[in-house]
């Protein structure tokens, strides 16, 4: 797992991109995301990277601070997409 919120956000979204591609979809097909942060103070840094993957149409999003994430992660992101 990469170190730092920016690197982990980028890796999470890159992984989502791979899953979308396998399904014949792209980031423009994402309608909702859920972001879990270990520390809500990391929101701005996460959001800067997130905006790189969603430069135009931004899907609905919820973001929560959580007590802990698996393997000591700083961020976890899931996405719902469809055509």
Protein backbone atom coordinates (compact mmCIF):
# COMPACT_ATOMS: atom_id res chain seq x y z
CA UNK A 1 0.00 0.00 0.00
CA UNK A 2 1.41 3.42 -0.88
CA UNK A 3 2.17 5.88 1.90
CA UNK A 4 0.28 9.14 2.31
CA UNK A 5 -3.26 10.22 1.59
CA UNK A 6 -2.57 11.46 -1.94
CA UNK A 7 -0.85 8.26 -3.04
CA UNK A 8 -3.51 6.05 -1.44
CA UNK A 9 -6.31 8.08 -3.02
CA UNK A 10 -4.65 7.82 -6.42
CA UNK A 11 -4.18 4.06 -6.02
CA UNK A 12 -7.77 3.55 -4.91
CA UNK A 13 -9.13 5.49 -7.89
CA UNK A 14 -6.73 3.77 -10.30
CA UNK A 15 -8.04 0.43 -9.01
CA UNK A 16 -11.62 1.61 -9.54
CA UNK A 17 -10.65 2.69 -13.06
CA UNK A 18 -9.38 -0.82 -13.82
CA UNK A 19 -12.64 -2.38 -12.64
CA UNK A 20 -14.66 0.13 -14.67
CA UNK A 21 -12.60 -0.58 -17.78
CA UNK A 22 -13.14 -4.34 -17.41
CA UNK A 23 -16.88 -3.64 -17.32
CA UNK A 24 -16.70 -1.43 -20.41
CA UNK A 25 -17.28 1.71 -18.36
CA UNK A 26 -15.31 4.79 -17.40
CA UNK A 27 -15.25 7.45 -14.72
CA UNK A 28 -17.95 9.34 -16.62
CA UNK A 29 -20.30 6.44 -15.87
CA UNK A 30 -19.85 6.70 -12.10
CA UNK A 31 -23.02 7.99 -10.44
CA UNK A 32 -22.04 7.79 -6.76
CA UNK A 33 -18.97 7.31 -4.62
CA UNK A 34 -18.43 6.72 -0.94
CA UNK A 35 -15.16 7.90 0.59
CA UNK A 36 -14.01 6.66 3.98
CA UNK A 37 -11.21 8.65 5.60
CA UNK A 38 -9.26 7.74 8.69
CA UNK A 39 -8.90 11.49 9.35
CA UNK A 40 -11.40 14.00 7.94
CA UNK A 41 -8.59 16.58 8.02
CA UNK A 42 -7.25 14.73 4.95
CA UNK A 43 -10.35 15.73 2.95
CA UNK A 44 -8.71 18.58 1.00
CA UNK A 45 -5.70 16.48 -0.02
CA UNK A 46 -7.94 13.57 -1.00
CA UNK A 47 -10.29 15.89 -2.89
CA UNK A 48 -7.45 17.38 -4.96
CA UNK A 49 -6.53 13.91 -6.27
CA UNK A 50 -10.20 12.91 -6.62
CA UNK A 51 -10.78 15.94 -8.88
CA UNK A 52 -8.08 14.64 -11.27
CA UNK A 53 -10.20 11.54 -11.92
CA UNK A 54 -13.52 13.42 -12.12
CA UNK A 55 -12.56 16.67 -13.91
CA UNK A 56 -15.96 17.44 -15.43
CA UNK A 57 -19.01 15.57 -14.21
CA UNK A 58 -18.78 14.89 -10.52
CA UNK A 59 -20.83 11.98 -9.20
CA UNK A 60 -22.83 12.23 -6.00
CA UNK A 61 -20.49 11.62 -3.09
CA UNK A 62 -20.59 10.97 0.61
CA UNK A 63 -17.53 11.14 2.82
CA UNK A 64 -17.14 9.86 6.35
CA UNK A 65 -14.40 9.77 8.94
CA UNK A 66 -14.07 6.26 10.35
CA UNK A 67 -12.24 4.88 13.37
CA UNK A 68 -10.07 2.52 11.33
CA UNK A 69 -9.66 1.00 7.88
CA UNK A 70 -8.24 -2.40 6.91
CA UNK A 71 -4.45 -2.73 6.85
CA UNK A 72 -4.04 0.74 8.36
CA UNK A 73 -5.24 2.48 5.18
CA UNK A 74 -5.91 6.22 5.24
CA UNK A 75 -8.67 6.15 2.62
CA UNK A 76 -11.11 3.73 1.04
CA UNK A 77 -13.32 4.59 -1.91
CA UNK A 78 -16.12 2.67 -3.55
CA UNK A 79 -18.08 3.61 -6.65
CA UNK A 80 -21.41 2.80 -8.24
CA UNK A 81 -21.51 3.08 -12.03
CA UNK A 82 -23.89 2.22 -14.82
CA UNK A 83 -24.89 2.98 -18.36
